Amino acid sequence: MVGLRAVAVPFAVPGPSGVAVRTRLRLSAVEVGVLREVGGLLGSLASGDLAVRCRDGLAHDGERWAGRKRVLTGRSSSRWAGAITKATHDQWALARRGLAAHIRGLEAGIATVRHRFSLPVGEKGTKRAPGGYHSRREWHAKSRRLTVLETRRDRAVADWKAGRVRVVRGGKRLANARHHLPEARLTEGRWRGRWEAARMFLSADGETGKRYGNETIRITPKGLVSVKLPAALAHLANAPHGRYTLTHTVAFSHRGQEWADRISGNRAVAYTLHHDPDRDRWYVTASWQRKAAPALPMDAALTAGCIGVDMNDDHLAAWQLDPHGNPVGEPHRFPYDLTGTAPHRDAQIRHTLTRLLHWARQSGVKAIAVEDLDFDLDKSREKHGRRKRFKRLISRFPTARLRARLVSMAAEHDLTIIAVDPAYTSKWGAQHWQKPLTTPRRKTTRHDAASIAIGRRAQEHPVRRRTAPPPAHRSDEQGHRTIQAGPEALGREEPRPRIPGPRTRSVSPDAERTRATRTSTTVRDVRSDQAWVQDPLLLTDQERCDG
């Protein structure tokens, strides 16, 4: 078709490569004080190491890395120094990727403004491109906006070329909240607690071959937790070899057996101790890498059909499809609420995906088809003009988090996630599927129809339904059946097969064979192709006498 972009080929999303589980730590007041002191010391060392790494920029090399690690080893230990430098490199790389995304967003906004400048004032846009600005006043305001965007872009590009990144340990938003405590609804004490908890460093990478997979933060199979103290705090040790052992044991209720198998085999497990200041609780997170399971081929995953899922602002619309692309049963909707705090939104997403996966398991399918959405370049406020509600919608839509959680949770249910191109799924789904599937008892929405289009695209079927032929060419009195059939089905475009016997449901199909062996006592009508056979009536004795 002219004007339509090419649709990408669907693909199976690879499974997760790592696992993380968390449990609560029960600590006494003395143990809390020790962990705060250790985390504060290591956090200050991590802050200094990050500053040195940011100053090095693109000139960083292996020698400077070794020098930084030697300095940290003298004040802590070699393993703590390795964990700190690794975390520093990861944070610097993350800031670098964020800067690149920021530059792409600025360039997209500049291109949009320049395009609208090239059009006359008041010219209407199309569905694929915005039009000119509505008034001279708006045109003048956007000319100033363009200067601001270009200045920011030039500054960001200069930082990128020089290797400069801007990082705040603890978070830039939390740092700015210190100057606006009433607006953030925080007291100085609560802000200080969050700030110290965010800047503490109590993370240790695992080592395969070492005892229980980690020499710095160790958890035994019985749940006993011990921490290797830095050299400056060795006097706080209550166990041999400069270690501090906690009184209470821990247990991982989720993936506990998998964790126990790893530490029993002395395989690497990384641990992180962190404090939640709002609840005043301590937690320990265990994480490890695992080999990605071999991906199930798409043909095998789609053998039992699939479930197409359309992601929306307030719900997931899903519909089950059979192997031929026909919708089965009723549509399902899984609502969620994305308002409120980040933990609330995260819990809503987990709960919704859990319900979706349980339904998929009950349906017997092995694949879930979702759209490969990406709103990174669409979040610029220049993209959609005055559509504030839509801009707010795509800004808060958790596409990356929802994808990551769906892939990791589906792997535990042995389900394959298939990503499809989102182009025209809502439009074509509503055009071809919404009206035919709407009944007096079922109102099919545009999102339900889009889920069918997504599932059919994953199965590499065309989204369009097979249309009915003219009435004169229909094989059934009730109308031609438009249900889909697979391309391998023989005779799928032909009339239904001839069934022996009369064209009535009151006579069994084998009536013709029965009549062939029965003696006829009636005269055959030459105008009829079938003979109606009537058995002779049995007369009673009284009827014979009367005759």
Protein backbone atom coordinates (compact mmCIF):
# COMPACT_ATOMS: atom_id res chain seq x y z
CA MET A 1 0.00 0.00 0.00
CA VAL A 2 1.13 3.52 -0.73
CA GLY A 3 2.02 5.54 2.34
CA LEU A 4 2.28 2.61 4.76
CA ARG A 5 5.55 1.76 6.36
CA ALA A 6 6.97 -1.75 6.27
CA VAL A 7 5.95 -3.97 9.18
CA ALA A 8 8.82 -5.63 11.03
CA VAL A 9 8.93 -9.40 11.41
CA PRO A 10 7.80 -10.71 14.82
CA PHE A 11 10.46 -12.29 17.03
CA ALA A 12 10.67 -14.28 20.24
CA VAL A 13 12.01 -12.21 23.15
CA PRO A 14 14.97 -13.87 24.89
CA GLY A 15 14.46 -14.84 28.50
CA PRO A 16 16.05 -13.16 31.53
CA SER A 17 19.74 -13.71 32.22
CA GLY A 18 19.64 -12.98 35.95
CA VAL A 19 17.61 -13.59 39.10
CA ALA A 20 17.07 -11.41 42.19
CA VAL A 21 15.22 -12.30 45.39
CA ARG A 22 14.75 -10.26 48.54
CA THR A 23 13.98 -10.96 52.18
CA ARG A 24 13.84 -8.98 55.39
CA LEU A 25 16.63 -8.66 57.94
CA ARG A 26 15.81 -8.73 61.68
CA LEU A 27 18.38 -6.55 63.42
CA SER A 28 19.04 -5.34 66.92
CA ALA A 29 19.87 -1.72 67.70
CA VAL A 30 23.59 -2.53 67.95
CA GLU A 31 23.58 -4.32 64.59
CA VAL A 32 21.78 -1.40 62.96
CA GLY A 33 24.47 0.95 64.24
CA VAL A 34 27.26 -1.25 62.89
CA LEU A 35 25.67 -1.56 59.43
CA ARG A 36 25.07 2.18 59.29
CA GLU A 37 28.70 2.86 60.10
CA VAL A 38 29.97 0.35 57.54
CA GLY A 39 27.57 1.55 54.85
CA GLY A 40 28.42 5.21 55.50
CA LEU A 41 32.18 4.58 55.24
CA LEU A 42 31.91 2.56 52.05
CA GLY A 43 29.44 5.08 50.64
CA SER A 44 31.93 7.91 51.12
CA LEU A 45 34.61 5.83 49.38
CA ALA A 46 32.20 5.12 46.49
CA SER A 47 31.38 8.84 46.16
CA GLY A 48 35.05 9.74 45.94
CA ASP A 49 35.77 6.99 43.44
CA LEU A 50 32.87 8.14 41.24
CA ALA A 51 34.19 11.70 41.27
CA VAL A 52 37.62 10.48 40.15
CA ARG A 53 36.07 8.37 37.39
CA CYS A 54 33.99 11.30 36.12
CA ARG A 55 37.08 13.54 36.03
CA ASP A 56 38.96 10.95 33.97
CA GLY A 57 36.23 10.92 31.31
CA LEU A 58 37.31 9.31 28.06
CA ALA A 59 40.96 9.24 29.19
CA HIS A 60 40.26 6.40 31.59
CA ASP A 61 42.26 3.21 31.06
CA GLY A 62 43.32 0.07 32.89
CA GLU A 63 46.20 1.73 34.74
CA ARG A 64 43.96 4.39 36.25
CA TRP A 65 41.48 1.71 37.22
CA ALA A 66 44.21 -0.24 39.02
CA GLY A 67 45.36 2.94 40.76
CA ARG A 68 41.89 3.71 42.04
CA LYS A 69 41.51 0.16 43.28
CA ARG A 70 44.85 0.30 45.17
CA VAL A 71 43.75 3.47 46.97
CA LEU A 72 40.43 1.90 48.00
CA THR A 73 42.08 -1.37 49.09
CA GLY A 74 44.19 0.44 51.67
CA ARG A 75 41.09 1.93 53.31
CA SER A 76 38.75 -1.10 53.02
CA SER A 77 39.77 -4.42 51.45
CA SER A 78 40.55 -5.75 48.00
CA ARG A 79 37.08 -7.24 47.55
CA TRP A 80 35.28 -4.12 48.74
CA ALA A 81 37.50 -2.09 46.39
CA GLY A 82 36.58 -4.33 43.46
CA ALA A 83 32.85 -4.00 44.23
CA ILE A 84 33.09 -0.21 44.52
CA THR A 85 35.02 0.28 41.26
CA LYS A 86 32.65 -2.02 39.38
CA ALA A 87 29.62 -0.11 40.68
CA THR A 88 31.33 3.15 39.67
CA HIS A 89 31.87 1.94 36.11
CA ASP A 90 28.26 0.77 35.85
CA GLN A 91 26.95 4.12 37.08
CA TRP A 92 29.19 6.07 34.71
CA ALA A 93 28.07 3.92 31.77
CA LEU A 94 24.42 4.38 32.73
CA ALA A 95 24.85 8.17 32.83
CA ARG A 96 26.55 7.99 29.43
CA ARG A 97 23.61 6.11 27.92
CA GLY A 98 21.20 8.58 29.50
CA LEU A 99 23.08 11.47 27.92
CA ALA A 100 22.83 9.82 24.50
CA ALA A 101 19.07 9.36 24.94
CA HIS A 102 18.77 13.01 26.01
CA ILE A 103 20.52 14.13 22.82
CA ARG A 104 18.20 12.00 20.68
CA GLY A 105 15.17 13.52 22.37
CA LEU A 106 16.43 17.06 21.83
CA GLU A 107 17.13 16.39 18.16
CA ALA A 108 13.64 14.95 17.69
CA GLY A 109 12.11 18.07 19.26
CA ILE A 110 14.21 20.39 17.10
CA ALA A 111 13.24 18.53 13.94
CA THR A 112 9.54 18.79 14.82
CA VAL A 113 9.71 22.54 15.49
CA ARG A 114 11.60 23.19 12.27
CA HIS A 115 9.08 21.16 10.30
CA ARG A 116 6.19 23.21 11.68
CA PHE A 117 8.10 26.41 10.95
CA SER A 118 8.32 25.38 7.29
CA LEU A 119 4.50 25.36 7.01
CA PRO A 120 2.22 28.40 6.83
CA VAL A 121 0.58 29.57 10.04
CA GLY A 122 -2.76 27.88 10.54
CA GLU A 123 -2.20 25.00 8.11
CA LYS A 124 -3.73 21.76 9.35
CA GLY A 125 -1.64 18.67 9.82
CA THR A 126 -2.22 15.04 9.00
CA LYS A 127 -2.26 11.88 11.04
CA ARG A 128 1.43 11.33 10.31
CA ALA A 129 2.80 14.88 10.52
CA PRO A 130 1.80 17.99 12.48
CA GLY A 131 0.70 21.11 10.71
CA GLY A 132 1.73 24.73 11.10
CA TYR A 133 1.33 26.67 14.32
CA HIS A 134 -2.11 28.05 15.10
CA SER A 135 -1.21 31.74 15.46
CA ARG A 136 1.63 34.20 15.12
CA ARG A 137 1.86 34.37 18.89
CA GLU A 138 2.47 30.63 19.15
CA TRP A 139 4.93 30.83 16.24
CA HIS A 140 6.94 33.48 18.10
CA ALA A 141 6.94 31.48 21.36
CA LYS A 142 8.14 28.36 19.55
CA SER A 143 10.93 30.32 17.87
CA ARG A 144 12.28 31.10 21.33
CA ARG A 145 11.72 27.48 22.32
CA LEU A 146 13.78 26.35 19.33
CA THR A 147 16.71 28.49 20.50
CA VAL A 148 16.52 26.90 23.95
CA LEU A 149 16.46 23.38 22.50
CA GLU A 150 19.41 24.06 20.23
CA THR A 151 21.41 25.50 23.13
CA ARG A 152 20.70 22.45 25.26
CA ARG A 153 21.55 20.15 22.37
CA ASP A 154 24.89 21.88 21.73
CA ARG A 155 25.79 21.70 25.42
CA ALA A 156 24.85 17.99 25.62
CA VAL A 157 26.82 17.18 22.46
CA ALA A 158 29.85 18.97 23.88
CA ASP A 159 29.57 16.92 27.08
CA TRP A 160 29.29 13.74 25.03
CA LYS A 161 32.40 14.49 23.00
CA ALA A 162 34.37 15.43 26.12
CA GLY A 163 33.19 12.37 28.07
CA ARG A 164 31.55 14.44 30.81
CA VAL A 165 28.61 12.99 32.73
CA ARG A 166 26.58 14.52 35.54
CA VAL A 167 25.80 12.04 38.30
CA VAL A 168 24.51 12.53 41.85
CA ARG A 169 24.88 9.59 44.22
CA GLY A 170 21.54 9.35 45.96
CA GLY A 171 19.60 10.88 43.08
CA LYS A 172 19.29 14.35 41.64
CA ARG A 173 15.59 14.56 42.51
CA LEU A 174 16.22 13.78 46.17
CA ALA A 175 19.08 16.27 46.27
CA ASN A 176 16.85 19.03 44.87
CA ALA A 177 14.09 18.14 47.33
CA ARG A 178 16.35 19.39 50.15
CA HIS A 179 15.67 22.96 48.97
CA HIS A 180 11.90 22.40 48.63
CA LEU A 181 10.94 20.37 51.69
CA PRO A 182 7.35 21.76 52.03
CA GLU A 183 6.57 20.98 48.37
CA ALA A 184 8.04 17.48 48.78
CA ARG A 185 6.05 16.97 52.03
CA LEU A 186 9.20 16.07 53.91
CA THR A 187 10.76 17.17 57.14
CA GLU A 188 14.47 17.70 57.40
CA GLY A 189 14.83 14.55 59.50
CA ARG A 190 12.95 12.37 57.01
CA TRP A 191 14.89 13.83 54.10
CA ARG A 192 18.18 13.18 55.91
CA GLY A 193 17.18 9.55 56.52
CA ARG A 194 16.39 9.00 52.85
CA TRP A 195 19.58 10.72 51.76
CA GLU A 196 21.84 8.64 53.99
CA ALA A 197 20.08 5.41 53.04
CA ALA A 198 20.44 6.19 49.31
CA ARG A 199 24.15 6.97 49.60
CA MET A 200 25.15 3.94 51.68
CA PHE A 201 27.12 1.21 49.93
CA LEU A 202 26.65 -2.38 51.13
CA SER A 203 26.91 -4.44 47.94
CA ALA A 204 29.30 -7.30 47.20
CA ASP A 205 29.71 -9.29 44.00
CA GLY A 206 29.89 -13.05 44.20
CA GLU A 207 32.88 -15.26 43.38
CA THR A 208 32.53 -18.75 42.02
CA GLY A 209 34.72 -21.22 43.90
CA LYS A 210 34.68 -19.28 47.16
CA ARG A 211 32.86 -20.49 50.22
CA TYR A 212 29.10 -20.14 49.69
CA GLY A 213 29.74 -18.04 46.60
CA ASN A 214 30.72 -14.78 48.34
CA GLU A 215 33.58 -13.87 50.68
CA THR A 216 32.51 -10.30 51.49
CA ILE A 217 28.84 -10.75 52.43
CA ARG A 218 28.25 -14.40 53.26
CA ILE A 219 24.99 -16.23 53.97
CA THR A 220 25.23 -19.84 55.03
CA PRO A 221 22.68 -22.53 54.08
CA LYS A 222 21.17 -22.11 57.56
CA GLY A 223 20.64 -18.38 56.90
CA LEU A 224 23.45 -16.95 59.05
CA VAL A 225 24.60 -13.56 57.68
CA SER A 226 28.14 -12.23 58.15
CA VAL A 227 29.90 -9.17 56.69
CA LYS A 228 33.61 -8.64 56.12
CA LEU A 229 34.42 -5.32 57.81
CA PRO A 230 36.65 -2.68 56.17
CA ALA A 231 40.11 -2.22 57.65
CA ALA A 232 39.13 1.05 59.32
CA LEU A 233 36.27 -0.69 61.22
CA ALA A 234 37.99 -3.98 62.05
CA HIS A 235 37.62 -3.24 65.79
CA LEU A 236 33.85 -3.84 65.51
CA ALA A 237 34.29 -7.51 64.53
CA ASN A 238 32.54 -10.15 66.66
CA ALA A 239 33.78 -13.16 64.64
CA PRO A 240 37.21 -14.39 63.47
CA HIS A 241 38.98 -12.90 60.42
CA GLY A 242 37.48 -9.44 60.88
CA ARG A 243 33.88 -10.44 60.24
CA TYR A 244 30.68 -9.23 61.87
CA THR A 245 27.95 -11.88 62.22
CA LEU A 246 24.28 -10.98 62.66
CA THR A 247 22.19 -12.67 65.33
CA HIS A 248 19.02 -13.54 63.40
CA THR A 249 18.98 -15.83 60.40
CA VAL A 250 17.28 -15.14 57.06
CA ALA A 251 15.37 -17.32 54.62
CA PHE A 252 14.39 -16.73 51.01
CA SER A 253 10.82 -17.88 50.53
CA HIS A 254 10.92 -17.25 46.78
CA ARG A 255 13.48 -19.32 44.83
CA GLY A 256 14.87 -20.54 48.10
CA GLN A 257 15.78 -23.97 46.75
CA GLU A 258 17.55 -22.49 43.73
CA TRP A 259 19.53 -20.17 46.00
CA ALA A 260 20.43 -23.06 48.33
CA ASP A 261 21.65 -25.14 45.39
CA ARG A 262 23.94 -22.33 44.25
CA ILE A 263 25.60 -21.65 47.57
CA SER A 264 25.96 -25.38 48.26
CA GLY A 265 27.93 -25.63 45.01
CA ASN A 266 29.99 -22.51 45.87
CA ARG A 267 28.68 -20.64 42.84
CA ALA A 268 28.67 -16.84 42.71
CA VAL A 269 25.84 -14.99 44.45
CA ALA A 270 25.84 -11.20 44.88
CA TYR A 271 24.26 -9.61 47.97
CA THR A 272 23.05 -6.09 48.73
CA LEU A 273 21.98 -4.82 52.14
CA HIS A 274 19.76 -1.76 52.06
CA HIS A 275 17.59 0.25 54.42
CA ASP A 276 14.02 1.46 53.80
CA PRO A 277 13.78 4.69 55.85
CA ASP A 278 10.01 5.08 55.40
CA ARG A 279 9.29 1.69 57.01
CA ASP A 280 12.50 1.62 59.04
CA ARG A 281 13.27 -1.89 57.81
CA TRP A 282 16.41 -3.59 56.52
CA TYR A 283 16.46 -6.01 53.59
CA VAL A 284 18.96 -8.27 51.86
CA THR A 285 18.78 -8.94 48.12
CA ALA A 286 20.46 -11.98 46.57
CA SER A 287 21.10 -11.99 42.82
CA TRP A 288 22.90 -14.30 40.45
CA GLN A 289 23.29 -14.96 36.76
CA ARG A 290 22.04 -18.05 35.06
CA LYS A 291 22.33 -19.48 31.61
CA ALA A 292 19.52 -18.41 29.36
CA ALA A 293 17.23 -21.30 28.57
CA PRO A 294 17.20 -22.25 24.88
CA ALA A 295 14.49 -20.24 23.20
CA LEU A 296 11.56 -22.26 21.97
CA PRO A 297 11.13 -21.88 18.19
CA MET A 298 8.19 -19.70 17.27
CA ASP A 299 6.55 -22.48 15.28
CA ALA A 300 6.62 -24.76 18.32
CA ALA A 301 5.46 -21.99 20.67
CA LEU A 302 2.48 -21.18 18.44
CA THR A 303 1.34 -24.80 18.01
CA ALA A 304 -1.43 -24.39 20.58
CA GLY A 305 -2.29 -20.85 19.52
CA CYS A 306 -1.40 -17.71 21.42
CA ILE A 307 -2.81 -14.83 23.43
CA GLY A 308 -2.68 -11.35 21.90
CA VAL A 309 -2.26 -8.52 24.43
CA ASP A 310 -2.92 -4.84 23.75
CA MET A 311 -1.29 -2.58 26.35
CA ASN A 312 -3.23 0.52 27.35
CA ASP A 313 -3.05 3.28 29.94
CA ASP A 314 -5.42 1.62 32.40
CA HIS A 315 -5.75 -2.02 31.38
CA LEU A 316 -4.44 -4.92 29.31
CA ALA A 317 -6.85 -6.20 26.65
CA ALA A 318 -6.24 -9.86 25.79
CA TRP A 319 -7.88 -12.45 23.56
CA GLN A 320 -6.97 -16.08 22.95
CA LEU A 321 -6.43 -17.20 19.35
CA ASP A 322 -6.32 -20.73 17.99
CA PRO A 323 -3.48 -21.88 15.66
CA HIS A 324 -5.41 -20.59 12.63
CA GLY A 325 -5.81 -17.07 14.05
CA ASN A 326 -9.47 -17.34 15.10
CA PRO A 327 -10.52 -15.71 18.39
CA VAL A 328 -11.54 -18.26 21.01
CA GLY A 329 -13.89 -17.61 23.91
CA GLU A 330 -14.41 -14.16 25.36
CA PRO A 331 -12.02 -11.20 25.60
CA HIS A 332 -10.27 -10.60 28.91
CA ARG A 333 -9.40 -7.25 30.45
CA PHE A 334 -6.88 -6.83 33.26
CA PRO A 335 -7.18 -3.33 34.79
CA TYR A 336 -4.48 -1.47 36.70
CA ASP A 337 -3.96 1.99 38.14
CA LEU A 338 -0.81 3.94 37.24
CA THR A 339 -1.50 6.90 39.50
CA GLY A 340 0.27 7.39 42.81
CA THR A 341 3.78 6.53 43.89
CA ALA A 342 6.28 4.39 42.02
CA PRO A 343 5.98 1.40 44.43
CA HIS A 344 2.20 1.48 43.96
CA ARG A 345 2.52 1.46 40.17
CA ASP A 346 5.05 -1.34 40.33
CA ALA A 347 2.74 -3.44 42.50
CA GLN A 348 -0.14 -2.83 40.11
CA ILE A 349 1.93 -4.05 37.17
CA ARG A 350 3.03 -7.19 39.01
CA HIS A 351 -0.51 -8.04 40.04
CA THR A 352 -1.88 -7.52 36.53
CA LEU A 353 0.83 -9.61 34.87
CA THR A 354 0.29 -12.39 37.41
CA ARG A 355 -3.39 -12.61 36.49
CA LEU A 356 -2.53 -12.60 32.78
CA LEU A 357 0.01 -15.40 33.12
CA HIS A 358 -2.30 -17.56 35.23
CA TRP A 359 -5.01 -17.24 32.60
CA ALA A 360 -2.50 -18.14 29.88
CA ARG A 361 -1.51 -21.28 31.76
CA GLN A 362 -5.16 -22.29 32.20
CA SER A 363 -5.83 -21.70 28.49
CA GLY A 364 -3.07 -24.12 27.50
CA VAL A 365 -1.20 -21.73 25.19
CA LYS A 366 2.59 -21.44 25.13
CA ALA A 367 3.01 -17.93 23.68
CA ILE A 368 1.89 -14.38 24.47
CA ALA A 369 2.09 -11.73 21.74
CA VAL A 370 2.72 -8.11 22.78
CA GLU A 371 3.58 -4.91 20.93
CA ASP A 372 7.18 -3.78 20.77
CA LEU A 373 6.37 -0.27 22.02
CA ASP A 374 8.98 2.45 22.39
CA PHE A 375 8.00 6.00 23.33
CA ASP A 376 11.51 7.40 23.82
CA LEU A 377 11.29 9.78 20.85
CA ASP A 378 7.58 10.52 21.38
CA LYS A 379 7.95 12.00 24.87
CA SER A 380 9.11 15.36 23.55
CA ARG A 381 6.46 17.97 24.16
CA GLU A 382 6.99 19.22 20.61
CA LYS A 383 5.78 15.96 19.10
CA HIS A 384 2.06 16.17 19.83
CA GLY A 385 1.40 19.91 20.06
CA ARG A 386 -1.44 20.82 22.40
CA ARG A 387 -2.45 17.25 23.20
CA LYS A 388 -1.48 17.54 26.85
CA ARG A 389 -3.49 14.55 27.98
CA PHE A 390 -1.89 12.26 25.41
CA LYS A 391 1.61 13.55 26.22
CA ARG A 392 1.00 12.89 29.90
CA LEU A 393 -0.26 9.40 29.04
CA ILE A 394 2.82 8.30 27.08
CA SER A 395 5.16 9.94 29.60
CA ARG A 396 3.90 7.81 32.46
CA PHE A 397 3.32 4.62 30.47
CA PRO A 398 5.81 2.03 31.86
CA THR A 399 6.71 0.28 28.62
CA ALA A 400 10.25 -0.72 29.61
CA ARG A 401 9.31 -1.91 33.09
CA LEU A 402 6.25 -3.77 31.86
CA ARG A 403 8.29 -5.54 29.17
CA ALA A 404 11.04 -6.50 31.60
CA ARG A 405 8.63 -7.84 34.20
CA LEU A 406 6.54 -9.71 31.65
CA VAL A 407 9.59 -11.47 30.20
CA SER A 408 11.01 -12.44 33.60
CA MET A 409 7.66 -13.63 35.00
CA ALA A 410 6.70 -15.52 31.82
CA ALA A 411 9.97 -17.46 31.92
CA GLU A 412 8.89 -19.04 35.22
CA HIS A 413 5.66 -20.26 33.59
CA ASP A 414 7.43 -21.67 30.50
CA LEU A 415 5.72 -19.12 28.27
CA THR A 416 7.30 -17.48 25.23
CA ILE A 417 6.90 -13.74 24.67
CA ILE A 418 6.63 -12.72 21.01
CA ALA A 419 7.14 -9.05 20.16
CA VAL A 420 5.37 -7.67 17.10
CA ASP A 421 5.47 -4.38 15.26
CA PRO A 422 2.76 -2.06 16.70
CA ALA A 423 2.05 -0.41 13.33
CA TYR A 424 -1.68 -0.14 12.53
CA THR A 425 -2.77 -2.82 15.04
CA SER A 426 -5.48 -0.65 16.62
CA LYS A 427 -6.68 0.75 13.29
CA TRP A 428 -6.80 -2.52 11.36
CA GLY A 429 -8.13 -4.48 14.32
CA ALA A 430 -11.07 -2.12 14.70
CA GLN A 431 -11.65 -2.09 10.95
CA HIS A 432 -11.79 -5.86 10.46
CA TRP A 433 -12.71 -7.40 13.83
CA GLN A 434 -14.60 -5.01 16.10
CA LYS A 435 -17.98 -5.04 14.37
CA PRO A 436 -18.16 -8.78 13.47
CA LEU A 437 -17.37 -9.79 17.06
CA THR A 438 -19.88 -7.41 18.66
CA THR A 439 -23.06 -9.14 19.83
CA PRO A 440 -26.05 -8.01 21.91
CA ARG A 441 -24.40 -9.58 24.95
CA ARG A 442 -20.79 -8.65 24.19
CA LYS A 443 -19.48 -5.20 23.40
CA THR A 444 -16.15 -5.58 21.64
CA THR A 445 -13.93 -2.56 22.16
CA ARG A 446 -11.25 -1.19 19.90
CA HIS A 447 -8.61 -2.53 22.28
CA ASP A 448 -10.10 -6.05 22.17
CA ALA A 449 -9.96 -5.97 18.38
CA ALA A 450 -6.36 -4.72 18.53
CA SER A 451 -5.39 -7.73 20.66
CA ILE A 452 -6.63 -10.01 17.86
CA ALA A 453 -4.57 -8.09 15.32
CA ILE A 454 -1.49 -8.43 17.54
CA GLY A 455 -1.98 -12.16 17.96
CA ARG A 456 -2.53 -12.75 14.23
CA ARG A 457 0.58 -10.73 13.39
CA ALA A 458 2.60 -12.93 15.78
CA GLN A 459 1.25 -15.98 13.95
CA GLU A 460 2.19 -14.29 10.65
CA HIS A 461 -1.43 -14.28 9.50
CA PRO A 462 -2.85 -11.22 7.75
CA VAL A 463 -4.90 -9.01 10.06
CA ARG A 464 -7.77 -8.78 7.55
CA ARG A 465 -10.60 -11.27 7.92
CA ARG A 466 -11.75 -13.36 4.97
CA THR A 467 -14.73 -11.53 3.52
CA ALA A 468 -17.96 -13.28 2.58
CA PRO A 469 -18.65 -13.84 -1.16
CA PRO A 470 -21.80 -12.53 -2.84
CA PRO A 471 -25.08 -14.20 -1.74
CA ALA A 472 -25.38 -16.08 -5.03
CA HIS A 473 -22.07 -17.83 -4.36
CA ARG A 474 -22.71 -18.80 -0.78
CA SER A 475 -22.87 -22.51 -0.05
CA ASP A 476 -25.08 -22.37 3.05
CA GLU A 477 -28.61 -21.09 3.31
CA GLN A 478 -27.65 -19.13 6.41
CA GLY A 479 -24.73 -17.46 4.64
CA HIS A 480 -21.14 -18.24 3.89
CA ARG A 481 -18.97 -18.95 6.89
CA THR A 482 -16.18 -16.42 7.28
CA ILE A 483 -14.29 -18.29 10.00
CA GLN A 484 -10.61 -18.58 9.16
CA ALA A 485 -8.94 -21.81 8.15
CA GLY A 486 -5.29 -22.62 7.89
CA PRO A 487 -3.63 -22.61 4.43
CA GLU A 488 -2.85 -26.31 4.82
CA ALA A 489 -6.54 -27.28 5.20
CA LEU A 490 -7.75 -29.03 2.06
CA GLY A 491 -10.89 -27.71 0.45
CA ARG A 492 -11.09 -24.69 2.71
CA GLU A 493 -12.59 -22.57 -0.09
CA GLU A 494 -14.97 -25.29 -1.36
CA PRO A 495 -18.59 -26.09 -0.40
CA ARG A 496 -19.29 -28.45 2.42
CA PRO A 497 -19.04 -32.20 1.51
CA ARG A 498 -22.11 -34.04 0.36
CA ILE A 499 -23.66 -36.07 3.17
CA PRO A 500 -25.59 -39.18 2.06
CA GLY A 501 -29.30 -39.14 2.73
CA PRO A 502 -32.10 -36.64 2.39
CA ARG A 503 -31.51 -32.98 3.17
CA THR A 504 -33.39 -33.08 6.44
CA ARG A 505 -32.23 -33.47 9.99
CA SER A 506 -35.12 -35.77 10.90
CA VAL A 507 -33.56 -38.70 9.00
CA SER A 508 -30.22 -40.25 9.91
CA PRO A 509 -27.33 -40.00 7.39
CA ASP A 510 -27.38 -43.78 6.75
CA ALA A 511 -31.06 -43.81 5.74
CA GLU A 512 -30.09 -44.20 2.08
CA ARG A 513 -28.22 -47.43 2.80
CA THR A 514 -31.18 -48.75 4.80
CA ARG A 515 -33.65 -48.02 2.01
CA ALA A 516 -31.47 -49.83 -0.52
CA THR A 517 -31.99 -53.14 1.34
CA ARG A 518 -35.69 -52.64 1.94
CA THR A 519 -38.51 -53.73 -0.39
CA SER A 520 -40.58 -50.83 -1.61
CA THR A 521 -44.38 -51.05 -1.63
CA THR A 522 -45.03 -47.58 -3.02
CA VAL A 523 -44.81 -46.17 -6.48
CA ARG A 524 -41.68 -44.10 -7.16
CA ASP A 525 -42.34 -40.60 -8.32
CA VAL A 526 -40.32 -40.09 -11.46
CA ARG A 527 -39.93 -36.43 -10.61
CA SER A 528 -38.16 -37.23 -7.33
CA ASP A 529 -34.57 -38.39 -6.90
CA GLN A 530 -35.35 -40.03 -3.58
CA ALA A 531 -37.97 -42.68 -2.70
CA TRP A 532 -39.97 -42.28 0.49
CA VAL A 533 -40.60 -45.79 1.82
CA GLN A 534 -43.66 -46.52 3.96
CA ASP A 535 -43.95 -49.80 5.82
CA PRO A 536 -47.29 -51.70 5.56
CA LEU A 537 -49.61 -51.13 8.51
CA LEU A 538 -50.41 -54.08 10.77
CA LEU A 539 -54.18 -54.61 11.04
CA THR A 540 -55.76 -55.88 14.23
CA ASP A 541 -58.36 -58.72 14.31
CA GLN A 542 -61.15 -56.25 14.90
CA GLU A 543 -60.15 -54.21 11.86
CA ARG A 544 -60.18 -57.37 9.70
CA CYS A 545 -63.68 -58.23 10.83
CA ASP A 546 -64.89 -54.75 10.13
CA GLY A 547 -63.43 -54.96 6.63
